[in-house]
Every structure is written in C-alpha cells, then in structure tokens.
Amino acid sequence: MRDRIRVLLTAAAVVPALACHSAPKPSGPPATPIYNQTTGQLEQVVSDTDGDGKVDTRAFMEGRRLKHIEIDRNADGRPDRWEYYVDAPPERVRPDAADGRTEIDRVEEANGLDERITRREFYERGELSRVEDDSDLDGHLDRWEQYDHGVLARLDMDLKKAGFADRRLIFGKDGSIDRIEVDPTGTGAWKEEPPPSRTAPHGQ
C-alpha cells in the first residue's frame, strides 16, 4: 500500500519540474496529474496500479499538499479505502521525501459488499495507534486493537456477540502473546485466564 502511495506522491512532486530534462522520473505504474483549469493548481494525482485500464488510486491534492487518498482495492469502480492526511509538525517534516510534509491521520475501509465502513484505523505521529473493526461484517464492532509505536500491543475481542469485549490478548514487544485476560460480563474487571489444565495420562 505504501508503494502505491509513494508512486502518486513522487509524481506529484516531479510533475511541476517535468519541463527540465534533468528532472527525475517516478518509477512504478504511471500516475497522471489533474490540474484546476482556472487556477492551474494541482488537484489530483490518479493511477492505475494494477494495469487493468481503470483508475484505482486517486490522491486529492492542494498543490503539493496531500489531503486524502481514495483506493479501489477490488476493482469494482468504487473506492473502498480512504486515507486522510494532516500537516506534519516542523520537527517531523522530511523535505527530501515526496510525502514528507504530511502524515497519515486516519483510515477507513469498507470490507463488505456495500459501502458501509467496517474498519477504522487511527494514527498518532504518523504511526498506527488503534483500530476498530467489524471483522465478521455484521454491523457491530467486535475487535479493538491497541498499538505501541506501530506494534500491536493489545487485542480485545467480542467473541460472544454481546456488544462488549470479553477476551483480551496482551502481546510482548517481540509479537508473542504475553497473557490472555477475560471479562465475561463486560464490567471492565479483567482477569487473567488460567492456563489450560493438563490431565495426567491414564493410569498415572
């Protein structure tokens, strides 16, 4: 996904300089800029990343500032992933990168057959912070993910379809499960789940 975005943003940075023969050319699938016919300002950069002849990625620009991106992942002609960007603070601006002046703020996805949003990602300082997900597409959230510097730290799940999380996985920094907690009644009183009992072999 980031490669797709990099192609679009590299094109956005390069297009104004195309008149110069020494200007670098963006690699990857060709991206097409769209300018405002009145002001001449860059408004969109579109791309057909899978080469099927249809635009599947559309970056909405304000000049060279990225505002948001719409992506059609299943080639049905409708966007099903939306990425929203905000200005990066001065200490996190990377002038040498095409996408260095903005950072991702949130993402929405429609993963079912309709356009209903089923997954939302929230970012802090450009890193994934938390996720809300309707994993079985029944119209109700059933997974909540918490991240630490972009790494999954906790996963809450509603396994009983009761409208609240009843099982929690706590992960270590190496990605392994550190412990499992349960809250069968949804009161917030999480308790560590005891390890499964081991029955001694017959005759011992």
N, C-alpha and C. Protein backbone atom coordinates (compact mmCIF):
# COMPACT_ATOMS: atom_id res chain seq x y z
N MET A 1 0.82 -1.20 0.00
CA MET A 1 0.00 0.00 0.00
C MET A 1 0.86 1.26 0.00
N ARG A 2 1.93 1.24 0.82
CA ARG A 2 2.78 2.42 0.86
C ARG A 2 3.49 2.65 -0.47
N ASP A 3 3.82 1.56 -1.20
CA ASP A 3 4.45 1.72 -2.51
C ASP A 3 3.51 2.42 -3.47
N ARG A 4 2.24 2.08 -3.41
CA ARG A 4 1.24 2.71 -4.27
C ARG A 4 1.17 4.21 -3.98
N ILE A 5 1.17 4.57 -2.71
CA ILE A 5 1.09 5.98 -2.33
C ILE A 5 2.36 6.71 -2.72
N ARG A 6 3.50 6.04 -2.57
CA ARG A 6 4.78 6.68 -2.90
C ARG A 6 4.84 7.04 -4.38
N VAL A 7 4.29 6.17 -5.23
CA VAL A 7 4.25 6.46 -6.66
C VAL A 7 3.45 7.72 -6.92
N LEU A 8 2.29 7.83 -6.31
CA LEU A 8 1.44 9.00 -6.52
C LEU A 8 2.13 10.28 -6.05
N LEU A 9 2.70 10.23 -4.86
CA LEU A 9 3.28 11.43 -4.30
C LEU A 9 4.57 11.82 -4.99
N THR A 10 5.33 10.82 -5.43
CA THR A 10 6.53 11.14 -6.20
C THR A 10 6.14 11.84 -7.49
N ALA A 11 5.06 11.37 -8.13
CA ALA A 11 4.58 12.02 -9.34
C ALA A 11 4.16 13.45 -9.05
N ALA A 12 3.49 13.65 -7.93
CA ALA A 12 3.04 15.00 -7.57
C ALA A 12 4.22 15.94 -7.39
N ALA A 13 5.32 15.40 -6.86
CA ALA A 13 6.49 16.24 -6.64
C ALA A 13 7.25 16.49 -7.93
N VAL A 14 7.23 15.52 -8.84
CA VAL A 14 8.03 15.61 -10.05
C VAL A 14 7.34 16.39 -11.16
N VAL A 15 6.02 16.26 -11.27
CA VAL A 15 5.29 16.85 -12.40
C VAL A 15 5.61 18.31 -12.64
N PRO A 16 5.65 19.18 -11.60
CA PRO A 16 5.93 20.59 -11.87
C PRO A 16 7.30 20.83 -12.50
N ALA A 17 8.20 19.84 -12.38
CA ALA A 17 9.56 20.03 -12.91
C ALA A 17 9.80 19.28 -14.20
N LEU A 18 8.77 18.73 -14.80
CA LEU A 18 8.97 17.90 -15.99
C LEU A 18 9.55 18.68 -17.17
N ALA A 19 9.41 19.98 -17.16
CA ALA A 19 9.96 20.76 -18.26
C ALA A 19 11.48 20.73 -18.27
N CYS A 20 12.05 20.41 -17.13
CA CYS A 20 13.51 20.32 -17.03
C CYS A 20 13.95 18.92 -17.41
N HIS A 21 14.85 18.79 -18.39
CA HIS A 21 15.25 17.47 -18.88
C HIS A 21 15.97 16.67 -17.80
N SER A 22 16.51 17.33 -16.81
CA SER A 22 17.25 16.61 -15.77
C SER A 22 16.35 16.14 -14.64
N ALA A 23 15.04 16.47 -14.71
CA ALA A 23 14.13 16.08 -13.63
C ALA A 23 14.00 14.57 -13.57
N PRO A 24 13.99 13.96 -12.36
CA PRO A 24 13.86 12.51 -12.25
C PRO A 24 12.46 12.06 -12.65
N LYS A 25 12.36 10.83 -13.09
CA LYS A 25 11.07 10.28 -13.47
C LYS A 25 10.62 9.29 -12.41
N PRO A 26 9.34 9.36 -11.99
CA PRO A 26 8.87 8.44 -10.97
C PRO A 26 8.87 7.03 -11.50
N SER A 27 9.24 6.05 -10.63
CA SER A 27 9.22 4.66 -11.02
C SER A 27 7.88 4.05 -10.68
N GLY A 28 7.58 2.85 -11.23
CA GLY A 28 6.33 2.17 -10.95
C GLY A 28 5.25 2.55 -11.94
N PRO A 29 3.99 2.19 -11.64
CA PRO A 29 2.88 2.48 -12.56
C PRO A 29 2.77 3.97 -12.82
N PRO A 30 2.43 4.38 -14.06
CA PRO A 30 2.34 5.80 -14.37
C PRO A 30 1.22 6.48 -13.60
N ALA A 31 1.48 7.67 -13.10
CA ALA A 31 0.48 8.46 -12.40
C ALA A 31 0.19 9.71 -13.22
N THR A 32 -1.07 10.10 -13.24
CA THR A 32 -1.50 11.23 -14.06
C THR A 32 -1.95 12.39 -13.17
N PRO A 33 -1.37 13.57 -13.34
CA PRO A 33 -1.81 14.73 -12.56
C PRO A 33 -3.04 15.38 -13.18
N ILE A 34 -3.88 15.94 -12.34
CA ILE A 34 -5.06 16.69 -12.80
C ILE A 34 -5.00 18.07 -12.15
N TYR A 35 -5.04 19.12 -13.01
CA TYR A 35 -4.92 20.49 -12.53
C TYR A 35 -6.24 21.21 -12.61
N ASN A 36 -6.43 22.18 -11.72
CA ASN A 36 -7.58 23.07 -11.80
C ASN A 36 -7.43 23.94 -13.04
N GLN A 37 -8.45 23.94 -13.90
CA GLN A 37 -8.34 24.65 -15.17
C GLN A 37 -8.32 26.16 -14.99
N THR A 38 -8.79 26.64 -13.86
CA THR A 38 -8.81 28.09 -13.62
C THR A 38 -7.53 28.56 -12.95
N THR A 39 -7.14 27.87 -11.87
CA THR A 39 -6.00 28.32 -11.09
C THR A 39 -4.69 27.66 -11.50
N GLY A 40 -4.77 26.53 -12.19
CA GLY A 40 -3.57 25.80 -12.55
C GLY A 40 -2.98 25.00 -11.40
N GLN A 41 -3.66 24.97 -10.26
CA GLN A 41 -3.14 24.24 -9.10
C GLN A 41 -3.40 22.75 -9.24
N LEU A 42 -2.44 21.95 -8.81
CA LEU A 42 -2.60 20.50 -8.82
C LEU A 42 -3.70 20.11 -7.85
N GLU A 43 -4.69 19.34 -8.34
CA GLU A 43 -5.82 18.93 -7.51
C GLU A 43 -5.86 17.44 -7.25
N GLN A 44 -5.44 16.64 -8.22
CA GLN A 44 -5.47 15.19 -8.06
C GLN A 44 -4.27 14.56 -8.76
N VAL A 45 -3.90 13.38 -8.26
CA VAL A 45 -2.97 12.52 -8.97
C VAL A 45 -3.61 11.14 -9.00
N VAL A 46 -3.85 10.60 -10.19
CA VAL A 46 -4.57 9.33 -10.31
C VAL A 46 -3.65 8.28 -10.92
N SER A 47 -3.93 7.03 -10.61
CA SER A 47 -3.07 5.96 -11.10
C SER A 47 -3.85 4.67 -11.26
N ASP A 48 -3.46 3.88 -12.26
CA ASP A 48 -3.96 2.52 -12.46
C ASP A 48 -2.84 1.59 -12.01
N THR A 49 -2.84 1.22 -10.73
CA THR A 49 -1.70 0.48 -10.16
C THR A 49 -1.66 -0.97 -10.57
N ASP A 50 -2.81 -1.57 -10.94
CA ASP A 50 -2.79 -2.98 -11.32
C ASP A 50 -2.80 -3.18 -12.83
N GLY A 51 -2.81 -2.08 -13.60
CA GLY A 51 -2.70 -2.18 -15.05
C GLY A 51 -3.89 -2.75 -15.77
N ASP A 52 -5.10 -2.63 -15.15
CA ASP A 52 -6.29 -3.17 -15.81
C ASP A 52 -7.02 -2.13 -16.66
N GLY A 53 -6.42 -0.95 -16.80
CA GLY A 53 -7.01 0.09 -17.63
C GLY A 53 -7.97 1.00 -16.90
N LYS A 54 -8.12 0.81 -15.57
CA LYS A 54 -9.04 1.64 -14.80
C LYS A 54 -8.29 2.28 -13.63
N VAL A 55 -8.62 3.54 -13.37
CA VAL A 55 -8.02 4.23 -12.22
C VAL A 55 -8.47 3.54 -10.94
N ASP A 56 -7.52 3.18 -10.08
CA ASP A 56 -7.89 2.55 -8.81
C ASP A 56 -7.36 3.32 -7.60
N THR A 57 -6.54 4.33 -7.84
CA THR A 57 -5.99 5.12 -6.73
C THR A 57 -6.04 6.59 -7.11
N ARG A 58 -6.62 7.38 -6.22
CA ARG A 58 -6.83 8.80 -6.52
C ARG A 58 -6.40 9.62 -5.30
N ALA A 59 -5.33 10.39 -5.46
CA ALA A 59 -4.85 11.25 -4.39
C ALA A 59 -5.38 12.66 -4.61
N PHE A 60 -6.01 13.22 -3.61
CA PHE A 60 -6.56 14.57 -3.68
C PHE A 60 -5.54 15.53 -3.07
N MET A 61 -5.15 16.51 -3.88
CA MET A 61 -4.06 17.39 -3.52
C MET A 61 -4.54 18.83 -3.37
N GLU A 62 -3.74 19.60 -2.68
CA GLU A 62 -3.90 21.05 -2.62
C GLU A 62 -2.53 21.62 -3.00
N GLY A 63 -2.29 21.68 -4.30
CA GLY A 63 -0.94 21.94 -4.76
C GLY A 63 -0.10 20.70 -4.51
N ARG A 64 0.97 20.84 -3.75
CA ARG A 64 1.80 19.68 -3.42
C ARG A 64 1.45 19.10 -2.06
N ARG A 65 0.39 19.61 -1.44
CA ARG A 65 -0.03 19.10 -0.13
C ARG A 65 -1.06 17.99 -0.32
N LEU A 66 -0.77 16.84 0.23
CA LEU A 66 -1.69 15.70 0.16
C LEU A 66 -2.80 15.87 1.18
N LYS A 67 -4.07 15.74 0.73
CA LYS A 67 -5.22 15.85 1.63
C LYS A 67 -5.78 14.48 1.99
N HIS A 68 -6.16 13.70 0.98
CA HIS A 68 -6.60 12.34 1.25
C HIS A 68 -6.48 11.50 -0.01
N ILE A 69 -6.58 10.19 0.17
CA ILE A 69 -6.44 9.24 -0.92
C ILE A 69 -7.63 8.29 -0.91
N GLU A 70 -8.18 8.01 -2.08
CA GLU A 70 -9.23 7.02 -2.24
C GLU A 70 -8.67 5.85 -3.05
N ILE A 71 -8.92 4.63 -2.60
CA ILE A 71 -8.37 3.44 -3.23
C ILE A 71 -9.48 2.43 -3.50
N ASP A 72 -9.50 1.92 -4.71
CA ASP A 72 -10.43 0.85 -5.10
C ASP A 72 -9.63 -0.45 -5.11
N ARG A 73 -9.73 -1.24 -4.03
CA ARG A 73 -8.90 -2.43 -3.90
C ARG A 73 -9.43 -3.63 -4.66
N ASN A 74 -10.75 -3.68 -4.91
CA ASN A 74 -11.32 -4.86 -5.55
C ASN A 74 -11.74 -4.62 -7.00
N ALA A 75 -11.35 -3.48 -7.56
CA ALA A 75 -11.56 -3.19 -8.98
C ALA A 75 -13.03 -3.20 -9.38
N ASP A 76 -13.92 -2.74 -8.48
CA ASP A 76 -15.34 -2.66 -8.84
C ASP A 76 -15.75 -1.26 -9.25
N GLY A 77 -14.78 -0.35 -9.35
CA GLY A 77 -15.06 1.01 -9.77
C GLY A 77 -15.44 1.95 -8.66
N ARG A 78 -15.46 1.46 -7.41
CA ARG A 78 -15.81 2.30 -6.27
C ARG A 78 -14.71 2.22 -5.22
N PRO A 79 -14.36 3.35 -4.60
CA PRO A 79 -13.33 3.30 -3.55
C PRO A 79 -13.83 2.51 -2.34
N ASP A 80 -12.94 1.77 -1.71
CA ASP A 80 -13.29 1.03 -0.51
C ASP A 80 -12.26 1.23 0.61
N ARG A 81 -11.29 2.12 0.37
CA ARG A 81 -10.34 2.52 1.41
C ARG A 81 -10.08 4.01 1.25
N TRP A 82 -10.16 4.72 2.37
CA TRP A 82 -9.95 6.16 2.37
C TRP A 82 -8.87 6.49 3.40
N GLU A 83 -7.83 7.19 2.98
CA GLU A 83 -6.75 7.59 3.87
C GLU A 83 -6.74 9.12 3.98
N TYR A 84 -6.69 9.61 5.21
CA TYR A 84 -6.74 11.05 5.45
C TYR A 84 -5.42 11.50 6.08
N TYR A 85 -4.92 12.64 5.58
CA TYR A 85 -3.61 13.14 5.99
C TYR A 85 -3.73 14.53 6.59
N VAL A 86 -2.80 14.84 7.48
CA VAL A 86 -2.73 16.17 8.10
C VAL A 86 -1.30 16.68 7.96
N ASP A 87 -1.13 17.99 8.13
CA ASP A 87 0.21 18.57 8.06
C ASP A 87 1.07 18.03 9.20
N ALA A 88 2.26 17.61 8.87
CA ALA A 88 3.21 17.17 9.89
C ALA A 88 3.80 18.39 10.58
N PRO A 89 4.03 18.31 11.90
CA PRO A 89 4.68 19.44 12.58
C PRO A 89 6.11 19.60 12.07
N PRO A 90 6.69 20.79 12.26
CA PRO A 90 8.02 21.06 11.69
C PRO A 90 9.08 20.02 12.03
N GLU A 91 9.03 19.48 13.26
CA GLU A 91 10.08 18.53 13.65
C GLU A 91 9.96 17.18 12.94
N ARG A 92 8.80 16.91 12.29
CA ARG A 92 8.65 15.64 11.59
C ARG A 92 8.54 15.82 10.08
N VAL A 93 8.75 17.02 9.59
CA VAL A 93 8.75 17.24 8.14
C VAL A 93 10.03 16.68 7.55
N ARG A 94 9.89 15.95 6.43
CA ARG A 94 11.04 15.40 5.71
C ARG A 94 11.07 16.03 4.32
N PRO A 95 11.78 17.14 4.15
CA PRO A 95 11.76 17.86 2.87
C PRO A 95 12.25 17.04 1.70
N ASP A 96 13.06 16.00 1.96
CA ASP A 96 13.62 15.21 0.87
C ASP A 96 12.65 14.13 0.37
N ALA A 97 11.49 13.95 1.03
CA ALA A 97 10.54 12.91 0.64
C ALA A 97 9.29 13.55 0.06
N ALA A 98 8.75 12.90 -0.98
CA ALA A 98 7.55 13.45 -1.63
C ALA A 98 6.38 13.54 -0.68
N ASP A 99 6.29 12.61 0.27
CA ASP A 99 5.18 12.62 1.22
C ASP A 99 5.62 13.12 2.59
N GLY A 100 6.72 13.85 2.65
CA GLY A 100 7.30 14.22 3.93
C GLY A 100 6.65 15.39 4.64
N ARG A 101 5.77 16.12 3.98
CA ARG A 101 5.17 17.31 4.60
C ARG A 101 3.83 17.02 5.25
N THR A 102 3.30 15.84 5.03
CA THR A 102 2.07 15.44 5.69
C THR A 102 2.27 14.06 6.30
N GLU A 103 1.38 13.71 7.22
CA GLU A 103 1.43 12.38 7.80
C GLU A 103 0.02 11.85 7.94
N ILE A 104 -0.11 10.54 7.89
CA ILE A 104 -1.42 9.91 7.91
C ILE A 104 -2.07 10.12 9.27
N ASP A 105 -3.38 10.39 9.26
CA ASP A 105 -4.13 10.67 10.47
C ASP A 105 -5.14 9.57 10.78
N ARG A 106 -5.85 9.11 9.76
CA ARG A 106 -6.81 8.02 9.98
C ARG A 106 -7.12 7.34 8.65
N VAL A 107 -7.66 6.14 8.76
CA VAL A 107 -8.03 5.34 7.59
C VAL A 107 -9.40 4.73 7.83
N GLU A 108 -10.21 4.67 6.77
CA GLU A 108 -11.49 3.98 6.84
C GLU A 108 -11.54 2.96 5.71
N GLU A 109 -12.13 1.80 6.00
CA GLU A 109 -12.26 0.75 4.99
C GLU A 109 -13.69 0.22 4.96
N ALA A 110 -14.16 -0.11 3.77
CA ALA A 110 -15.42 -0.81 3.58
C ALA A 110 -15.06 -2.19 3.04
N ASN A 111 -15.21 -3.21 3.87
CA ASN A 111 -14.74 -4.55 3.50
C ASN A 111 -15.87 -5.50 3.13
N GLY A 112 -17.11 -5.03 3.18
CA GLY A 112 -18.24 -5.87 2.80
C GLY A 112 -18.66 -5.62 1.36
N LEU A 113 -19.87 -6.07 1.02
CA LEU A 113 -20.37 -5.91 -0.33
C LEU A 113 -20.95 -4.53 -0.57
N ASP A 114 -21.24 -3.79 0.52
CA ASP A 114 -21.76 -2.44 0.37
C ASP A 114 -20.65 -1.44 0.71
N GLU A 115 -21.01 -0.18 0.83
CA GLU A 115 -20.01 0.87 1.11
C GLU A 115 -19.95 1.23 2.59
N ARG A 116 -20.54 0.40 3.44
CA ARG A 116 -20.52 0.67 4.87
C ARG A 116 -19.10 0.51 5.41
N ILE A 117 -18.68 1.47 6.24
CA ILE A 117 -17.36 1.42 6.85
C ILE A 117 -17.34 0.30 7.90
N THR A 118 -16.39 -0.61 7.77
CA THR A 118 -16.28 -1.73 8.70
C THR A 118 -15.00 -1.68 9.53
N ARG A 119 -14.05 -0.86 9.13
CA ARG A 119 -12.78 -0.80 9.85
C ARG A 119 -12.29 0.64 9.87
N ARG A 120 -11.81 1.07 11.04
CA ARG A 120 -11.25 2.40 11.19
C ARG A 120 -9.90 2.28 11.87
N GLU A 121 -8.91 2.95 11.29
CA GLU A 121 -7.57 2.99 11.86
C GLU A 121 -7.27 4.42 12.30
N PHE A 122 -6.67 4.56 13.44
CA PHE A 122 -6.33 5.88 13.98
C PHE A 122 -4.82 5.94 14.22
N TYR A 123 -4.23 7.07 13.83
CA TYR A 123 -2.78 7.22 13.87
C TYR A 123 -2.39 8.38 14.78
N GLU A 124 -1.23 8.25 15.39
CA GLU A 124 -0.62 9.33 16.18
C GLU A 124 0.82 9.48 15.72
N ARG A 125 1.20 10.70 15.41
CA ARG A 125 2.56 10.98 14.93
C ARG A 125 2.89 10.13 13.70
N GLY A 126 1.88 9.84 12.90
CA GLY A 126 2.08 9.07 11.69
C GLY A 126 2.19 7.58 11.89
N GLU A 127 2.02 7.09 13.13
CA GLU A 127 2.10 5.67 13.43
C GLU A 127 0.74 5.14 13.84
N LEU A 128 0.46 3.90 13.46
CA LEU A 128 -0.81 3.28 13.82
C LEU A 128 -0.93 3.20 15.33
N SER A 129 -2.06 3.71 15.87
CA SER A 129 -2.27 3.77 17.30
C SER A 129 -3.36 2.80 17.77
N ARG A 130 -4.50 2.79 17.06
CA ARG A 130 -5.58 1.89 17.44
C ARG A 130 -6.47 1.60 16.23
N VAL A 131 -7.22 0.51 16.35
CA VAL A 131 -8.10 0.07 15.27
C VAL A 131 -9.42 -0.36 15.86
N GLU A 132 -10.51 -0.03 15.18
CA GLU A 132 -11.84 -0.53 15.48
C GLU A 132 -12.32 -1.31 14.27
N ASP A 133 -12.76 -2.55 14.48
CA ASP A 133 -13.02 -3.42 13.34
C ASP A 133 -14.29 -4.25 13.55
N ASP A 134 -15.10 -4.31 12.50
CA ASP A 134 -16.22 -5.24 12.44
C ASP A 134 -15.76 -6.39 11.56
N SER A 135 -15.11 -7.37 12.17
CA SER A 135 -14.41 -8.40 11.40
C SER A 135 -15.35 -9.36 10.69
N ASP A 136 -16.55 -9.58 11.23
CA ASP A 136 -17.48 -10.50 10.59
C ASP A 136 -18.56 -9.78 9.78
N LEU A 137 -18.43 -8.44 9.67
CA LEU A 137 -19.30 -7.62 8.80
C LEU A 137 -20.77 -7.73 9.16
N ASP A 138 -21.07 -7.86 10.47
CA ASP A 138 -22.46 -7.96 10.89
C ASP A 138 -23.04 -6.63 11.34
N GLY A 139 -22.25 -5.56 11.21
CA GLY A 139 -22.73 -4.23 11.60
C GLY A 139 -22.35 -3.82 13.00
N HIS A 140 -21.59 -4.67 13.71
CA HIS A 140 -21.20 -4.37 15.08
C HIS A 140 -19.70 -4.58 15.25
N LEU A 141 -19.05 -3.66 15.94
CA LEU A 141 -17.62 -3.81 16.21
C LEU A 141 -17.38 -5.04 17.07
N ASP A 142 -16.34 -5.79 16.74
CA ASP A 142 -16.02 -6.97 17.54
C ASP A 142 -14.52 -7.14 17.79
N ARG A 143 -13.70 -6.20 17.29
CA ARG A 143 -12.26 -6.24 17.52
C ARG A 143 -11.75 -4.82 17.77
N TRP A 144 -10.93 -4.69 18.80
CA TRP A 144 -10.32 -3.40 19.12
C TRP A 144 -8.83 -3.64 19.32
N GLU A 145 -8.00 -2.99 18.53
CA GLU A 145 -6.56 -3.20 18.58
C GLU A 145 -5.87 -1.95 19.13
N GLN A 146 -4.90 -2.14 19.98
CA GLN A 146 -4.09 -1.05 20.52
C GLN A 146 -2.64 -1.28 20.12
N TYR A 147 -1.97 -0.21 19.66
CA TYR A 147 -0.60 -0.32 19.18
C TYR A 147 0.33 0.57 19.99
N ASP A 148 1.56 0.13 20.11
CA ASP A 148 2.61 0.90 20.77
C ASP A 148 3.70 1.16 19.75
N HIS A 149 3.81 2.41 19.29
CA HIS A 149 4.76 2.77 18.25
C HIS A 149 4.60 1.89 17.01
N GLY A 150 3.34 1.67 16.63
CA GLY A 150 3.05 0.93 15.43
C GLY A 150 3.06 -0.58 15.57
N VAL A 151 3.34 -1.10 16.78
CA VAL A 151 3.40 -2.54 17.01
C VAL A 151 2.19 -2.96 17.85
N LEU A 152 1.51 -4.02 17.44
CA LEU A 152 0.33 -4.48 18.16
C LEU A 152 0.68 -4.84 19.60
N ALA A 153 -0.01 -4.20 20.55
CA ALA A 153 0.25 -4.43 21.97
C ALA A 153 -0.92 -5.12 22.66
N ARG A 154 -2.15 -4.88 22.18
CA ARG A 154 -3.32 -5.47 22.83
C ARG A 154 -4.43 -5.67 21.82
N LEU A 155 -5.12 -6.77 21.94
CA LEU A 155 -6.26 -7.07 21.08
C LEU A 155 -7.44 -7.48 21.95
N ASP A 156 -8.53 -6.70 21.89
CA ASP A 156 -9.77 -7.03 22.59
C ASP A 156 -10.76 -7.59 21.58
N MET A 157 -11.50 -8.63 21.99
CA MET A 157 -12.44 -9.28 21.08
C MET A 157 -13.77 -9.53 21.76
N ASP A 158 -14.83 -9.36 21.00
CA ASP A 158 -16.17 -9.71 21.44
C ASP A 158 -16.50 -11.06 20.81
N LEU A 159 -16.21 -12.13 21.51
CA LEU A 159 -16.39 -13.47 20.97
C LEU A 159 -17.81 -13.98 21.14
N LYS A 160 -18.56 -13.39 22.08
CA LYS A 160 -19.91 -13.87 22.36
C LYS A 160 -20.98 -13.06 21.63
N LYS A 161 -20.56 -12.05 20.86
CA LYS A 161 -21.51 -11.17 20.17
C LYS A 161 -22.47 -10.51 21.16
N ALA A 162 -21.90 -10.07 22.29
CA ALA A 162 -22.70 -9.46 23.34
C ALA A 162 -22.63 -7.95 23.32
N GLY A 163 -21.81 -7.38 22.42
CA GLY A 163 -21.70 -5.93 22.34
C GLY A 163 -20.57 -5.36 23.15
N PHE A 164 -19.75 -6.21 23.77
CA PHE A 164 -18.59 -5.74 24.52
C PHE A 164 -17.48 -6.78 24.41
N ALA A 165 -16.26 -6.32 24.64
CA ALA A 165 -15.12 -7.23 24.57
C ALA A 165 -15.12 -8.15 25.78
N ASP A 166 -14.90 -9.45 25.55
CA ASP A 166 -14.87 -10.41 26.64
C ASP A 166 -13.55 -11.20 26.71
N ARG A 167 -12.69 -10.96 25.75
CA ARG A 167 -11.41 -11.67 25.73
C ARG A 167 -10.33 -10.70 25.26
N ARG A 168 -9.17 -10.74 25.88
CA ARG A 168 -8.10 -9.79 25.59
C ARG A 168 -6.77 -10.53 25.49
N LEU A 169 -6.04 -10.21 24.43
CA LEU A 169 -4.70 -10.74 24.25
C LEU A 169 -3.70 -9.61 24.47
N ILE A 170 -2.73 -9.85 25.33
CA ILE A 170 -1.66 -8.88 25.60
C ILE A 170 -0.39 -9.41 24.95
N PHE A 171 0.24 -8.59 24.12
CA PHE A 171 1.40 -9.03 23.37
C PHE A 171 2.69 -8.44 23.94
N GLY A 172 3.76 -9.20 23.84
CA GLY A 172 5.07 -8.70 24.19
C GLY A 172 5.66 -7.92 23.03
N LYS A 173 6.78 -7.28 23.26
CA LYS A 173 7.39 -6.46 22.21
C LYS A 173 7.89 -7.30 21.04
N ASP A 174 8.07 -8.61 21.26
CA ASP A 174 8.52 -9.48 20.19
C ASP A 174 7.37 -10.05 19.37
N GLY A 175 6.12 -9.64 19.72
CA GLY A 175 4.95 -10.10 18.99
C GLY A 175 4.30 -11.35 19.55
N SER A 176 4.92 -11.96 20.55
CA SER A 176 4.33 -13.15 21.14
C SER A 176 3.25 -12.76 22.17
N ILE A 177 2.34 -13.68 22.44
CA ILE A 177 1.29 -13.42 23.43
C ILE A 177 1.88 -13.53 24.82
N ASP A 178 1.77 -12.45 25.58
CA ASP A 178 2.29 -12.43 26.94
C ASP A 178 1.30 -13.05 27.91
N ARG A 179 0.02 -12.70 27.75
CA ARG A 179 -1.01 -13.28 28.60
C ARG A 179 -2.38 -13.07 27.95
N ILE A 180 -3.35 -13.79 28.46
CA ILE A 180 -4.74 -13.69 28.00
C ILE A 180 -5.61 -13.32 29.18
N GLU A 181 -6.50 -12.36 28.99
CA GLU A 181 -7.42 -11.94 30.04
C GLU A 181 -8.85 -12.10 29.56
N VAL A 182 -9.77 -12.27 30.50
CA VAL A 182 -11.19 -12.44 30.17
C VAL A 182 -12.03 -11.53 31.05
N ASP A 183 -13.17 -11.13 30.51
CA ASP A 183 -14.16 -10.32 31.23
C ASP A 183 -15.53 -10.76 30.73
N PRO A 184 -16.05 -11.88 31.22
CA PRO A 184 -17.27 -12.46 30.67
C PRO A 184 -18.50 -11.58 30.77
N THR A 185 -18.56 -10.68 31.76
CA THR A 185 -19.75 -9.87 31.99
C THR A 185 -19.63 -8.45 31.46
N GLY A 186 -18.47 -8.06 30.96
CA GLY A 186 -18.32 -6.72 30.40
C GLY A 186 -18.28 -5.62 31.43
N THR A 187 -17.85 -5.92 32.64
CA THR A 187 -17.81 -4.91 33.70
C THR A 187 -16.49 -4.15 33.72
N GLY A 188 -15.52 -4.61 32.95
CA GLY A 188 -14.20 -3.98 32.98
C GLY A 188 -13.27 -4.60 33.99
N ALA A 189 -13.73 -5.63 34.70
CA ALA A 189 -12.90 -6.32 35.69
C ALA A 189 -12.18 -7.48 35.01
N TRP A 190 -11.14 -7.15 34.26
CA TRP A 190 -10.40 -8.16 33.52
C TRP A 190 -9.60 -9.04 34.46
N LYS A 191 -9.63 -10.35 34.20
CA LYS A 191 -8.85 -11.31 35.00
C LYS A 191 -8.04 -12.19 34.06
N GLU A 192 -6.84 -12.52 34.51
CA GLU A 192 -6.00 -13.36 33.68
C GLU A 192 -6.60 -14.75 33.56
N GLU A 193 -6.64 -15.23 32.35
CA GLU A 193 -7.19 -16.56 32.11
C GLU A 193 -6.17 -17.61 32.54
N PRO A 194 -6.58 -18.56 33.39
CA PRO A 194 -5.62 -19.58 33.81
C PRO A 194 -5.23 -20.47 32.64
N PRO A 195 -4.02 -20.99 32.66
CA PRO A 195 -3.61 -21.89 31.57
C PRO A 195 -4.48 -23.12 31.54
N PRO A 196 -4.64 -23.74 30.38
CA PRO A 196 -5.48 -24.94 30.31
C PRO A 196 -4.93 -26.05 31.18
N SER A 197 -5.85 -26.73 31.88
CA SER A 197 -5.41 -27.81 32.76
C SER A 197 -4.91 -28.98 31.93
N ARG A 198 -3.93 -29.64 32.47
CA ARG A 198 -3.37 -30.80 31.79
C ARG A 198 -3.75 -32.06 32.54
N THR A 199 -4.50 -32.88 31.89
CA THR A 199 -4.95 -34.12 32.53
C THR A 199 -3.83 -35.15 32.44
N ALA A 200 -3.55 -35.75 33.57
CA ALA A 200 -2.47 -36.75 33.59
C ALA A 200 -2.87 -37.96 32.77
N PRO A 201 -1.92 -38.59 32.09
CA PRO A 201 -2.21 -39.78 31.30
C PRO A 201 -2.88 -40.86 32.14
N HIS A 202 -3.71 -41.65 31.52
CA HIS A 202 -4.45 -42.70 32.21
C HIS A 202 -3.49 -43.64 32.91
N GLY A 203 -3.81 -43.88 34.18
CA GLY A 203 -3.01 -44.83 34.93
C GLY A 203 -1.94 -44.19 35.77
N GLN A 204 -1.79 -42.84 35.67
CA GLN A 204 -0.76 -42.17 36.47
C GLN A 204 -1.41 -41.39 37.62
